[in-house]
N, C-alpha and C. Protein backbone atom coordinates (compact mmCIF):
# COMPACT_ATOMS: atom_id res chain seq x y z
N UNK A 1 0.17 1.84 94.14
CA UNK A 1 1.24 1.11 94.77
C UNK A 1 2.56 1.84 94.51
N UNK A 2 3.31 2.11 95.55
CA UNK A 2 4.59 2.79 95.43
C UNK A 2 5.71 1.77 95.35
N UNK A 3 6.65 2.04 94.46
CA UNK A 3 7.86 1.23 94.38
C UNK A 3 8.98 2.08 94.96
N UNK A 4 9.61 1.57 95.99
CA UNK A 4 10.70 2.31 96.62
C UNK A 4 11.97 2.10 95.81
N UNK A 5 12.54 3.19 95.36
CA UNK A 5 13.78 3.12 94.59
C UNK A 5 14.97 3.14 95.53
N UNK A 6 15.94 2.33 95.20
CA UNK A 6 17.17 2.28 95.97
C UNK A 6 18.00 3.51 95.60
N UNK A 7 18.57 4.17 96.58
CA UNK A 7 19.38 5.36 96.34
C UNK A 7 20.71 5.24 97.06
N UNK A 8 21.59 6.21 96.76
CA UNK A 8 22.86 6.29 97.45
C UNK A 8 23.81 5.17 97.09
N UNK A 9 24.62 4.78 98.07
CA UNK A 9 25.64 3.76 97.85
C UNK A 9 25.03 2.40 97.50
N UNK A 10 23.86 2.12 98.02
CA UNK A 10 23.20 0.86 97.74
C UNK A 10 22.85 0.78 96.24
N UNK A 11 22.38 1.89 95.69
CA UNK A 11 22.07 1.93 94.26
C UNK A 11 23.34 1.71 93.44
N UNK A 12 24.43 2.34 93.84
CA UNK A 12 25.71 2.17 93.15
C UNK A 12 26.16 0.71 93.19
N UNK A 13 25.97 0.06 94.35
CA UNK A 13 26.32 -1.34 94.49
C UNK A 13 25.52 -2.20 93.52
N UNK A 14 24.20 -2.01 93.47
CA UNK A 14 23.36 -2.80 92.59
C UNK A 14 23.65 -2.51 91.12
N UNK A 15 23.87 -1.25 90.78
CA UNK A 15 24.17 -0.89 89.40
C UNK A 15 25.48 -1.55 88.94
N UNK A 16 26.47 -1.54 89.82
CA UNK A 16 27.74 -2.18 89.50
C UNK A 16 27.55 -3.67 89.32
N UNK A 17 26.78 -4.28 90.19
CA UNK A 17 26.52 -5.73 90.10
C UNK A 17 25.82 -6.08 88.79
N UNK A 18 24.82 -5.29 88.39
CA UNK A 18 24.13 -5.54 87.13
C UNK A 18 25.07 -5.36 85.94
N UNK A 19 25.92 -4.36 86.01
CA UNK A 19 26.87 -4.11 84.91
C UNK A 19 27.85 -5.26 84.77
N UNK A 20 28.37 -5.74 85.89
CA UNK A 20 29.31 -6.87 85.84
C UNK A 20 28.61 -8.14 85.34
N UNK A 21 27.35 -8.32 85.71
CA UNK A 21 26.57 -9.46 85.22
C UNK A 21 26.40 -9.36 83.71
N UNK A 22 26.17 -8.15 83.21
CA UNK A 22 26.04 -7.94 81.77
C UNK A 22 27.34 -8.21 81.03
N UNK A 23 28.46 -7.75 81.60
CA UNK A 23 29.76 -8.03 80.98
C UNK A 23 30.04 -9.52 80.94
N UNK A 24 29.72 -10.21 82.02
CA UNK A 24 29.93 -11.66 82.07
C UNK A 24 29.07 -12.36 81.02
N UNK A 25 27.81 -11.96 80.92
CA UNK A 25 26.92 -12.57 79.94
C UNK A 25 27.42 -12.34 78.52
N UNK A 26 27.86 -11.13 78.24
CA UNK A 26 28.37 -10.82 76.90
C UNK A 26 29.66 -11.59 76.62
N UNK A 27 30.53 -11.69 77.61
CA UNK A 27 31.80 -12.40 77.43
C UNK A 27 31.56 -13.86 77.07
N UNK A 28 30.65 -14.51 77.77
CA UNK A 28 30.43 -15.93 77.55
C UNK A 28 29.52 -16.25 76.37
N UNK A 29 28.74 -15.28 75.91
CA UNK A 29 27.81 -15.57 74.82
C UNK A 29 28.19 -14.93 73.49
N UNK A 30 29.11 -14.00 73.50
CA UNK A 30 29.45 -13.27 72.27
C UNK A 30 30.93 -13.41 71.93
N UNK A 31 31.27 -14.18 70.90
CA UNK A 31 32.68 -14.31 70.50
C UNK A 31 33.33 -12.97 70.15
N UNK A 32 32.57 -12.06 69.56
CA UNK A 32 33.13 -10.75 69.19
C UNK A 32 33.60 -9.98 70.42
N UNK A 33 32.88 -10.09 71.52
CA UNK A 33 33.29 -9.41 72.76
C UNK A 33 34.60 -9.99 73.26
N UNK A 34 34.74 -11.30 73.22
CA UNK A 34 36.01 -11.92 73.64
C UNK A 34 37.17 -11.48 72.76
N UNK A 35 36.94 -11.43 71.45
CA UNK A 35 37.98 -11.00 70.52
C UNK A 35 38.37 -9.55 70.76
N UNK A 36 37.38 -8.71 70.97
CA UNK A 36 37.65 -7.29 71.18
C UNK A 36 38.31 -7.03 72.53
N UNK A 37 37.99 -7.82 73.54
CA UNK A 37 38.68 -7.71 74.83
C UNK A 37 40.15 -8.12 74.69
N UNK A 38 40.41 -9.16 73.90
CA UNK A 38 41.79 -9.57 73.65
C UNK A 38 42.54 -8.45 72.92
N UNK A 39 41.88 -7.83 71.95
CA UNK A 39 42.49 -6.71 71.24
C UNK A 39 42.76 -5.55 72.19
N UNK A 40 41.83 -5.29 73.10
CA UNK A 40 42.01 -4.21 74.08
C UNK A 40 43.23 -4.49 74.97
N UNK A 41 43.33 -5.70 75.48
CA UNK A 41 44.47 -6.04 76.34
C UNK A 41 45.79 -5.89 75.59
N UNK A 42 45.83 -6.38 74.37
CA UNK A 42 47.04 -6.24 73.55
C UNK A 42 47.32 -4.76 73.28
N UNK A 43 46.27 -4.01 72.95
CA UNK A 43 46.44 -2.59 72.64
C UNK A 43 46.91 -1.78 73.84
N UNK A 44 46.41 -2.11 75.03
CA UNK A 44 46.85 -1.41 76.25
C UNK A 44 48.34 -1.69 76.47
N UNK A 45 48.73 -2.96 76.36
CA UNK A 45 50.14 -3.31 76.54
C UNK A 45 51.01 -2.60 75.51
N UNK A 46 50.58 -2.62 74.26
CA UNK A 46 51.36 -1.99 73.20
C UNK A 46 51.45 -0.48 73.40
N UNK A 47 50.36 0.15 73.77
CA UNK A 47 50.38 1.61 73.95
C UNK A 47 51.26 2.01 75.13
N UNK A 48 51.35 1.15 76.13
CA UNK A 48 52.23 1.44 77.27
C UNK A 48 53.70 1.23 76.90
N UNK A 49 53.96 0.35 75.97
CA UNK A 49 55.32 0.07 75.54
C UNK A 49 55.85 1.14 74.59
N UNK A 50 54.96 1.69 73.77
CA UNK A 50 55.36 2.70 72.80
C UNK A 50 55.66 4.04 73.49
N UNK A 51 56.55 4.80 72.89
CA UNK A 51 56.86 6.13 73.42
C UNK A 51 55.91 7.15 72.80
N UNK A 52 54.75 7.25 73.41
CA UNK A 52 53.74 8.21 72.97
C UNK A 52 53.37 9.08 74.17
N UNK A 53 52.76 10.21 73.89
CA UNK A 53 52.35 11.10 74.97
C UNK A 53 51.15 10.51 75.70
N UNK A 54 50.87 11.03 76.88
CA UNK A 54 49.71 10.56 77.65
C UNK A 54 48.41 10.77 76.88
N UNK A 55 48.18 11.95 76.28
CA UNK A 55 46.93 12.10 75.52
C UNK A 55 46.83 11.11 74.35
N UNK A 56 47.95 10.82 73.70
CA UNK A 56 47.94 9.84 72.62
C UNK A 56 47.60 8.45 73.15
N UNK A 57 48.18 8.09 74.29
CA UNK A 57 47.90 6.78 74.89
C UNK A 57 46.42 6.67 75.29
N UNK A 58 45.89 7.74 75.85
CA UNK A 58 44.47 7.75 76.23
C UNK A 58 43.60 7.57 74.99
N UNK A 59 43.95 8.25 73.91
CA UNK A 59 43.19 8.12 72.66
C UNK A 59 43.29 6.71 72.09
N UNK A 60 44.47 6.12 72.15
CA UNK A 60 44.66 4.77 71.63
C UNK A 60 43.82 3.76 72.42
N UNK A 61 43.89 3.84 73.74
CA UNK A 61 43.15 2.91 74.59
C UNK A 61 41.65 3.22 74.53
N UNK A 62 41.30 4.49 74.56
CA UNK A 62 39.89 4.88 74.51
C UNK A 62 39.20 4.44 73.22
N UNK A 63 39.92 4.52 72.11
CA UNK A 63 39.31 4.10 70.84
C UNK A 63 39.04 2.60 70.84
N UNK A 64 39.89 1.82 71.50
CA UNK A 64 39.64 0.37 71.60
C UNK A 64 38.51 0.08 72.58
N UNK A 65 38.43 0.85 73.65
CA UNK A 65 37.31 0.67 74.59
C UNK A 65 35.98 1.00 73.92
N UNK A 66 36.00 2.00 73.05
CA UNK A 66 34.77 2.38 72.35
C UNK A 66 34.25 1.23 71.50
N UNK A 67 35.15 0.44 70.91
CA UNK A 67 34.72 -0.72 70.13
C UNK A 67 33.90 -1.66 71.01
N UNK A 68 34.40 -1.93 72.22
CA UNK A 68 33.69 -2.85 73.12
C UNK A 68 32.37 -2.25 73.57
N UNK A 69 32.35 -0.96 73.84
CA UNK A 69 31.11 -0.31 74.26
C UNK A 69 30.04 -0.45 73.17
N UNK A 70 30.42 -0.17 71.94
CA UNK A 70 29.46 -0.26 70.84
C UNK A 70 29.06 -1.72 70.61
N UNK A 71 30.01 -2.64 70.75
CA UNK A 71 29.69 -4.07 70.61
C UNK A 71 28.68 -4.52 71.66
N UNK A 72 28.83 -4.04 72.89
CA UNK A 72 27.87 -4.38 73.94
C UNK A 72 26.48 -3.86 73.58
N UNK A 73 26.40 -2.65 73.08
CA UNK A 73 25.10 -2.10 72.66
C UNK A 73 24.52 -2.90 71.50
N UNK A 74 25.38 -3.27 70.55
CA UNK A 74 24.93 -4.08 69.42
C UNK A 74 24.41 -5.44 69.90
N UNK A 75 25.11 -6.05 70.83
CA UNK A 75 24.67 -7.34 71.37
C UNK A 75 23.33 -7.21 72.08
N UNK A 76 23.13 -6.10 72.78
CA UNK A 76 21.85 -5.86 73.44
C UNK A 76 20.73 -5.72 72.42
N UNK A 77 20.99 -4.99 71.35
CA UNK A 77 19.99 -4.83 70.29
C UNK A 77 19.64 -6.19 69.70
N UNK A 78 20.67 -6.99 69.41
CA UNK A 78 20.43 -8.32 68.83
C UNK A 78 19.63 -9.21 69.78
N UNK A 79 19.92 -9.13 71.08
CA UNK A 79 19.18 -9.94 72.05
C UNK A 79 17.71 -9.54 72.09
N UNK A 80 17.44 -8.25 72.05
CA UNK A 80 16.05 -7.78 72.07
C UNK A 80 15.32 -8.21 70.80
N UNK A 81 15.99 -8.07 69.66
CA UNK A 81 15.36 -8.46 68.39
C UNK A 81 15.09 -9.96 68.39
N UNK A 82 16.03 -10.75 68.86
CA UNK A 82 15.84 -12.20 68.91
C UNK A 82 14.74 -12.57 69.90
N UNK A 83 14.59 -11.80 70.95
CA UNK A 83 13.54 -12.06 71.96
C UNK A 83 12.15 -11.86 71.37
N UNK A 84 12.04 -10.92 70.44
CA UNK A 84 10.75 -10.60 69.84
C UNK A 84 10.21 -11.81 69.07
N UNK A 85 11.09 -12.51 68.38
CA UNK A 85 10.63 -13.70 67.65
C UNK A 85 11.65 -14.17 66.64
N UNK A 86 11.58 -15.44 66.27
CA UNK A 86 12.57 -16.01 65.35
C UNK A 86 12.28 -15.73 63.87
N UNK A 87 11.08 -15.24 63.58
CA UNK A 87 10.74 -15.03 62.17
C UNK A 87 11.58 -13.89 61.57
N UNK A 88 11.83 -14.02 60.29
CA UNK A 88 12.60 -13.01 59.57
C UNK A 88 11.68 -11.81 59.31
N UNK A 89 12.15 -10.63 59.68
CA UNK A 89 11.38 -9.41 59.45
C UNK A 89 12.34 -8.33 58.98
N UNK A 90 11.88 -7.51 58.06
CA UNK A 90 12.72 -6.45 57.49
C UNK A 90 13.27 -5.51 58.55
N UNK A 91 12.45 -5.11 59.50
CA UNK A 91 12.90 -4.18 60.54
C UNK A 91 13.89 -4.85 61.51
N UNK A 92 13.71 -6.14 61.77
CA UNK A 92 14.66 -6.86 62.62
C UNK A 92 16.03 -6.89 61.96
N UNK A 93 16.04 -7.21 60.68
CA UNK A 93 17.29 -7.22 59.95
C UNK A 93 17.93 -5.84 59.89
N UNK A 94 17.09 -4.84 59.70
CA UNK A 94 17.59 -3.46 59.65
C UNK A 94 18.23 -3.05 60.97
N UNK A 95 17.58 -3.39 62.09
CA UNK A 95 18.12 -3.06 63.41
C UNK A 95 19.47 -3.74 63.63
N UNK A 96 19.55 -5.02 63.27
CA UNK A 96 20.82 -5.74 63.44
C UNK A 96 21.91 -5.19 62.53
N UNK A 97 21.56 -4.85 61.30
CA UNK A 97 22.54 -4.30 60.37
C UNK A 97 23.06 -2.93 60.83
N UNK A 98 22.17 -2.12 61.36
CA UNK A 98 22.59 -0.79 61.84
C UNK A 98 23.50 -0.94 63.06
N UNK A 99 23.18 -1.87 63.96
CA UNK A 99 24.05 -2.14 65.10
C UNK A 99 25.42 -2.60 64.64
N UNK A 100 25.45 -3.47 63.66
CA UNK A 100 26.72 -3.95 63.10
C UNK A 100 27.50 -2.81 62.45
N UNK A 101 26.79 -1.92 61.77
CA UNK A 101 27.45 -0.77 61.15
C UNK A 101 28.07 0.14 62.20
N UNK A 102 27.43 0.25 63.35
CA UNK A 102 27.98 1.07 64.44
C UNK A 102 29.29 0.47 64.94
N UNK A 103 29.34 -0.85 65.07
CA UNK A 103 30.58 -1.51 65.49
C UNK A 103 31.66 -1.26 64.43
N UNK A 104 31.30 -1.40 63.17
CA UNK A 104 32.25 -1.16 62.08
C UNK A 104 32.82 0.24 62.13
N UNK A 105 31.96 1.23 62.39
CA UNK A 105 32.43 2.62 62.45
C UNK A 105 33.37 2.83 63.65
N UNK A 106 33.09 2.17 64.77
CA UNK A 106 33.98 2.27 65.93
C UNK A 106 35.34 1.66 65.61
N UNK A 107 35.33 0.55 64.88
CA UNK A 107 36.60 -0.07 64.47
C UNK A 107 37.36 0.86 63.53
N UNK A 108 36.67 1.47 62.60
CA UNK A 108 37.33 2.41 61.67
C UNK A 108 37.93 3.59 62.42
N UNK A 109 37.22 4.08 63.43
CA UNK A 109 37.74 5.18 64.25
C UNK A 109 39.02 4.76 64.97
N UNK A 110 39.02 3.56 65.53
CA UNK A 110 40.21 3.06 66.24
C UNK A 110 41.39 2.93 65.28
N UNK A 111 41.13 2.40 64.10
CA UNK A 111 42.21 2.27 63.10
C UNK A 111 42.75 3.65 62.74
N UNK A 112 41.87 4.60 62.53
CA UNK A 112 42.29 5.96 62.20
C UNK A 112 43.14 6.57 63.32
N UNK A 113 42.70 6.43 64.56
CA UNK A 113 43.43 6.98 65.70
C UNK A 113 44.81 6.36 65.81
N UNK A 114 44.85 5.04 65.77
CA UNK A 114 46.14 4.34 65.89
C UNK A 114 47.07 4.71 64.74
N UNK A 115 46.54 4.77 63.52
CA UNK A 115 47.37 5.11 62.36
C UNK A 115 47.90 6.53 62.47
N UNK A 116 47.07 7.46 62.88
CA UNK A 116 47.50 8.86 63.00
C UNK A 116 48.59 9.02 64.06
N UNK A 117 48.51 8.23 65.11
CA UNK A 117 49.51 8.33 66.17
C UNK A 117 50.79 7.58 65.80
N UNK A 118 50.64 6.41 65.18
CA UNK A 118 51.80 5.57 64.89
C UNK A 118 52.57 6.02 63.65
N UNK A 119 51.90 6.64 62.70
CA UNK A 119 52.55 7.04 61.45
C UNK A 119 53.82 7.86 61.68
N UNK A 120 53.76 8.93 62.50
CA UNK A 120 54.98 9.71 62.73
C UNK A 120 56.09 8.90 63.44
N UNK A 121 55.72 7.92 64.22
CA UNK A 121 56.71 7.10 64.92
C UNK A 121 57.41 6.12 63.97
N UNK A 122 56.69 5.71 62.95
CA UNK A 122 57.23 4.70 62.04
C UNK A 122 57.92 5.29 60.81
N UNK A 123 57.53 6.52 60.45
CA UNK A 123 58.08 7.09 59.21
C UNK A 123 58.69 8.44 59.42
């Protein structure tokens, strides 16, 4: 049996629709995603207000976007682990902890980027 794959603009349309559905699901089910989106909006406004170069602004905004990207991946990992079963298992906990550590590292990167850019402006 052959499965016909959608190609071209139609594929792009469906991929975009699935992505937006995923963002909506994450927004309504994950408080961390809502908090990080609020941080992103504030960070974009602040970076546009500050007198920084374009590459610095891109780095500031990009580092905040990376937090959300990693959070979305972490949420996907957690959903898959929870789908497997409610029982406590060492590997399930390990997968969730590693996903959480990835979010933590993205946050640390954002803090480092913002501090490196803002330090010369403040001192």
